[in-house]
Amino acid sequence: MDQNLKTKIEEFILLKEKENDKFFAWFRNIIGMAIAFLGILVSFRSSEPMAHTPHLIFSISISLITLGIISGVIILFVEIRWLRNELEIKSKWINRLIQGSKDKFEIENIPTPWYFKLLKVICYFSFILSLISLSIFTFMR
């Protein structure tokens, strides 16, 4: 294999791994902040009875944050699934090399599951809508 091509492939792989690491680290931080925020909201909730509309908006906010956390945790599990798929691909390639196949580097793309994209949209929108509903709740109080 051409050395220049091999270098470019290695750079591409490192860049892709770095991008994935940064995305999932950022996502872990967002989920951690959402869990802390949910805990603060629940613990500081007033024991005084609320009117129906503010109570409904507060409940919607809590539900949306919870939905965002659950979908975010599932997204973080996809990271593990991707790593498992990558290990499987590399182990097949190593086994072919051990069995005497020529050193052919095959590029296999690990497809993004459809539900990953759906969960990202659900997570983002639920967090955004929860912030909007909490803003409405604060103006109603």
C-alpha atoms as a PDB file:
ATOM      1  CA  MET A   1       0.000   0.000   0.000  1.00  0.00           C
ATOM      2  CA  ASP A   2       1.211   3.478  -0.831  1.00  0.00           C
ATOM      3  CA  GLN A   3       2.728   5.088   2.305  1.00  0.00           C
ATOM      4  CA  ASN A   4       1.002   8.417   1.637  1.00  0.00           C
ATOM      5  CA  LEU A   5      -2.389   6.689   1.364  1.00  0.00           C
ATOM      6  CA  LYS A   6      -1.711   4.688   4.514  1.00  0.00           C
ATOM      7  CA  THR A   7      -0.846   7.900   6.402  1.00  0.00           C
ATOM      8  CA  LYS A   8      -4.027   9.597   5.191  1.00  0.00           C
ATOM      9  CA  ILE A   9      -6.124   6.599   6.242  1.00  0.00           C
ATOM     10  CA  GLU A  10      -4.532   6.572   9.704  1.00  0.00           C
ATOM     11  CA  GLU A  11      -5.140  10.331  10.047  1.00  0.00           C
ATOM     12  CA  PHE A  12      -8.759   9.852   8.992  1.00  0.00           C
ATOM     13  CA  ILE A  13      -9.283   7.041  11.514  1.00  0.00           C
ATOM     14  CA  LEU A  14      -7.741   9.078  14.335  1.00  0.00           C
ATOM     15  CA  LEU A  15      -9.844  12.103  13.443  1.00  0.00           C
ATOM     16  CA  LYS A  16     -13.041  10.039  13.333  1.00  0.00           C
ATOM     17  CA  GLU A  17     -12.253   8.446  16.706  1.00  0.00           C
ATOM     18  CA  LYS A  18     -11.514  11.871  18.181  1.00  0.00           C
ATOM     19  CA  GLU A  19     -14.802  13.236  16.828  1.00  0.00           C
ATOM     20  CA  ASN A  20     -16.748  10.316  18.335  1.00  0.00           C
ATOM     21  CA  ASP A  21     -14.957  10.719  21.676  1.00  0.00           C
ATOM     22  CA  LYS A  22     -15.728  14.446  21.793  1.00  0.00           C
ATOM     23  CA  PHE A  23     -19.380  13.936  20.847  1.00  0.00           C
ATOM     24  CA  PHE A  24     -20.006  11.267  23.470  1.00  0.00           C
ATOM     25  CA  ALA A  25     -18.061  13.196  26.144  1.00  0.00           C
ATOM     26  CA  TRP A  26     -20.181  16.262  25.393  1.00  0.00           C
ATOM     27  CA  PHE A  27     -23.319  14.135  25.498  1.00  0.00           C
ATOM     28  CA  ARG A  28     -22.334  12.596  28.856  1.00  0.00           C
ATOM     29  CA  ASN A  29     -21.923  16.116  30.241  1.00  0.00           C
ATOM     30  CA  ILE A  30     -25.358  17.166  28.948  1.00  0.00           C
ATOM     31  CA  ILE A  31     -26.990  14.082  30.493  1.00  0.00           C
ATOM     32  CA  GLY A  32     -25.195  14.673  33.801  1.00  0.00           C
ATOM     33  CA  MET A  33     -26.349  18.295  33.903  1.00  0.00           C
ATOM     34  CA  ALA A  34     -29.918  17.256  33.053  1.00  0.00           C
ATOM     35  CA  ILE A  35     -29.945  14.713  35.882  1.00  0.00           C
ATOM     36  CA  ALA A  36     -28.651  17.323  38.331  1.00  0.00           C
ATOM     37  CA  PHE A  37     -31.174  19.868  37.064  1.00  0.00           C
ATOM     38  CA  LEU A  38     -34.011  17.358  37.419  1.00  0.00           C
ATOM     39  CA  GLY A  39     -32.935  16.620  40.986  1.00  0.00           C
ATOM     40  CA  ILE A  40     -32.843  20.327  41.832  1.00  0.00           C
ATOM     41  CA  LEU A  41     -36.264  20.942  40.309  1.00  0.00           C
ATOM     42  CA  VAL A  42     -37.850  18.066  42.176  1.00  0.00           C
ATOM     43  CA  SER A  43     -36.191  18.892  45.504  1.00  0.00           C
ATOM     44  CA  PHE A  44     -37.055  22.590  45.407  1.00  0.00           C
ATOM     45  CA  ARG A  45     -40.629  22.039  44.321  1.00  0.00           C
ATOM     46  CA  SER A  46     -42.954  23.867  46.633  1.00  0.00           C
ATOM     47  CA  SER A  47     -45.250  21.811  48.828  1.00  0.00           C
ATOM     48  CA  GLU A  48     -47.967  24.426  48.398  1.00  0.00           C
ATOM     49  CA  PRO A  49     -50.722  23.435  45.994  1.00  0.00           C
ATOM     50  CA  MET A  50     -50.398  24.959  42.537  1.00  0.00           C
ATOM     51  CA  ALA A  51     -53.102  26.060  40.171  1.00  0.00           C
ATOM     52  CA  HIS A  52     -53.956  23.551  37.453  1.00  0.00           C
ATOM     53  CA  THR A  53     -52.126  25.230  34.544  1.00  0.00           C
ATOM     54  CA  PRO A  54     -48.799  25.871  36.323  1.00  0.00           C
ATOM     55  CA  HIS A  55     -48.905  22.349  37.744  1.00  0.00           C
ATOM     56  CA  LEU A  56     -49.488  20.942  34.266  1.00  0.00           C
ATOM     57  CA  ILE A  57     -46.625  22.955  32.759  1.00  0.00           C
ATOM     58  CA  PHE A  58     -44.281  21.960  35.594  1.00  0.00           C
ATOM     59  CA  SER A  59     -45.214  18.293  35.126  1.00  0.00           C
ATOM     60  CA  ILE A  60     -44.641  18.560  31.380  1.00  0.00           C
ATOM     61  CA  SER A  61     -41.209  20.098  32.039  1.00  0.00           C
ATOM     62  CA  ILE A  62     -40.231  17.279  34.395  1.00  0.00           C
ATOM     63  CA  SER A  63     -41.510  14.684  31.920  1.00  0.00           C
ATOM     64  CA  LEU A  64     -39.591  16.244  29.024  1.00  0.00           C
ATOM     65  CA  ILE A  65     -36.352  16.340  31.014  1.00  0.00           C
ATOM     66  CA  THR A  66     -36.867  12.695  31.961  1.00  0.00           C
ATOM     67  CA  LEU A  67     -37.537  11.771  28.320  1.00  0.00           C
ATOM     68  CA  GLY A  68     -34.364  13.598  27.304  1.00  0.00           C
ATOM     69  CA  ILE A  69     -32.339  11.735  29.931  1.00  0.00           C
ATOM     70  CA  ILE A  70     -33.718   8.326  28.948  1.00  0.00           C
ATOM     71  CA  SER A  71     -33.156   8.888  25.223  1.00  0.00           C
ATOM     72  CA  GLY A  72     -29.680  10.256  25.972  1.00  0.00           C
ATOM     73  CA  VAL A  73     -28.733   7.203  28.001  1.00  0.00           C
ATOM     74  CA  ILE A  74     -29.819   4.966  25.115  1.00  0.00           C
ATOM     75  CA  ILE A  75     -27.699   7.083  22.776  1.00  0.00           C
ATOM     76  CA  LEU A  76     -24.715   6.538  25.072  1.00  0.00           C
ATOM     77  CA  PHE A  77     -25.321   2.790  24.857  1.00  0.00           C
ATOM     78  CA  VAL A  78     -25.008   3.053  21.067  1.00  0.00           C
ATOM     79  CA  GLU A  79     -21.396   4.124  21.662  1.00  0.00           C
ATOM     80  CA  ILE A  80     -20.737   0.698  23.186  1.00  0.00           C
ATOM     81  CA  ARG A  81     -22.467  -0.990  20.249  1.00  0.00           C
ATOM     82  CA  TRP A  82     -20.292   0.910  17.758  1.00  0.00           C
ATOM     83  CA  LEU A  83     -17.145  -0.096  19.593  1.00  0.00           C
ATOM     84  CA  ARG A  84     -18.264  -3.733  19.555  1.00  0.00           C
ATOM     85  CA  ASN A  85     -18.925  -3.554  15.800  1.00  0.00           C
ATOM     86  CA  GLU A  86     -15.515  -1.978  15.245  1.00  0.00           C
ATOM     87  CA  LEU A  87     -13.822  -4.709  17.292  1.00  0.00           C
ATOM     88  CA  GLU A  88     -15.624  -7.379  15.274  1.00  0.00           C
ATOM     89  CA  ILE A  89     -14.542  -5.847  11.965  1.00  0.00           C
ATOM     90  CA  LYS A  90     -10.921  -5.527  13.105  1.00  0.00           C
ATOM     91  CA  SER A  91     -10.839  -9.066  14.501  1.00  0.00           C
ATOM     92  CA  LYS A  92     -12.038 -10.459  11.150  1.00  0.00           C
ATOM     93  CA  TRP A  93      -9.331  -8.464   9.372  1.00  0.00           C
ATOM     94  CA  ILE A  94      -6.638  -9.689  11.798  1.00  0.00           C
ATOM     95  CA  ASN A  95      -7.797 -13.297  11.378  1.00  0.00           C
ATOM     96  CA  ARG A  96      -7.527 -12.974   7.599  1.00  0.00           C
ATOM     97  CA  LEU A  97      -3.977 -11.669   8.004  1.00  0.00           C
ATOM     98  CA  ILE A  98      -3.076 -14.553  10.326  1.00  0.00           C
ATOM     99  CA  GLN A  99      -4.460 -17.066   7.833  1.00  0.00           C
ATOM    100  CA  GLY A 100      -2.116 -15.712   5.193  1.00  0.00           C
ATOM    101  CA  SER A 101      -4.305 -13.352   3.204  1.00  0.00           C
ATOM    102  CA  LYS A 102      -2.591 -10.483   1.498  1.00  0.00           C
ATOM    103  CA  ASP A 103      -2.439  -7.231   3.427  1.00  0.00           C
ATOM    104  CA  LYS A 104      -5.543  -5.670   1.955  1.00  0.00           C
ATOM    105  CA  PHE A 105      -7.018  -2.948   4.054  1.00  0.00           C
ATOM    106  CA  GLU A 106     -10.755  -2.976   3.583  1.00  0.00           C
ATOM    107  CA  ILE A 107     -12.799  -0.019   4.641  1.00  0.00           C
ATOM    108  CA  GLU A 108     -16.067  -0.979   6.230  1.00  0.00           C
ATOM    109  CA  ASN A 109     -18.500   1.661   7.305  1.00  0.00           C
ATOM    110  CA  ILE A 110     -20.436   0.926  10.465  1.00  0.00           C
ATOM    111  CA  PRO A 111     -23.917   2.160   9.662  1.00  0.00           C
ATOM    112  CA  THR A 112     -25.707   4.510  12.017  1.00  0.00           C
ATOM    113  CA  PRO A 113     -28.884   2.824  13.233  1.00  0.00           C
ATOM    114  CA  TRP A 114     -32.108   4.622  12.338  1.00  0.00           C
ATOM    115  CA  TYR A 115     -33.152   4.742  15.967  1.00  0.00           C
ATOM    116  CA  PHE A 116     -29.920   6.582  16.885  1.00  0.00           C
ATOM    117  CA  LYS A 117     -30.910   9.492  14.693  1.00  0.00           C
ATOM    118  CA  LEU A 118     -34.472   9.391  16.044  1.00  0.00           C
ATOM    119  CA  LEU A 119     -33.269   9.326  19.652  1.00  0.00           C
ATOM    120  CA  LYS A 120     -30.943  12.289  19.028  1.00  0.00           C
ATOM    121  CA  VAL A 121     -33.877  14.310  17.705  1.00  0.00           C
ATOM    122  CA  ILE A 122     -36.083  13.238  20.631  1.00  0.00           C
ATOM    123  CA  CYS A 123     -33.352  14.076  23.135  1.00  0.00           C
ATOM    124  CA  TYR A 124     -32.583  17.515  21.686  1.00  0.00           C
ATOM    125  CA  PHE A 125     -36.232  18.492  21.295  1.00  0.00           C
ATOM    126  CA  SER A 126     -37.220  17.264  24.739  1.00  0.00           C
ATOM    127  CA  PHE A 127     -34.470  19.318  26.378  1.00  0.00           C
ATOM    128  CA  ILE A 128     -35.335  22.395  24.305  1.00  0.00           C
ATOM    129  CA  LEU A 129     -39.067  22.027  24.970  1.00  0.00           C
ATOM    130  CA  SER A 130     -38.424  21.491  28.678  1.00  0.00           C
ATOM    131  CA  LEU A 131     -36.480  24.748  28.850  1.00  0.00           C
ATOM    132  CA  ILE A 132     -39.288  26.553  27.038  1.00  0.00           C
ATOM    133  CA  SER A 133     -41.936  25.072  29.333  1.00  0.00           C
ATOM    134  CA  LEU A 134     -39.887  25.934  32.432  1.00  0.00           C
ATOM    135  CA  SER A 135     -39.592  29.506  31.173  1.00  0.00           C
ATOM    136  CA  ILE A 136     -43.363  29.647  30.725  1.00  0.00           C
ATOM    137  CA  PHE A 137     -43.786  28.159  34.206  1.00  0.00           C
ATOM    138  CA  THR A 138     -41.632  30.857  35.796  1.00  0.00           C
ATOM    139  CA  PHE A 139     -43.661  33.602  34.141  1.00  0.00           C
ATOM    140  CA  MET A 140     -46.913  32.037  35.357  1.00  0.00           C
ATOM    141  CA  ARG A 141     -45.835  31.917  39.010  1.00  0.00           C
END
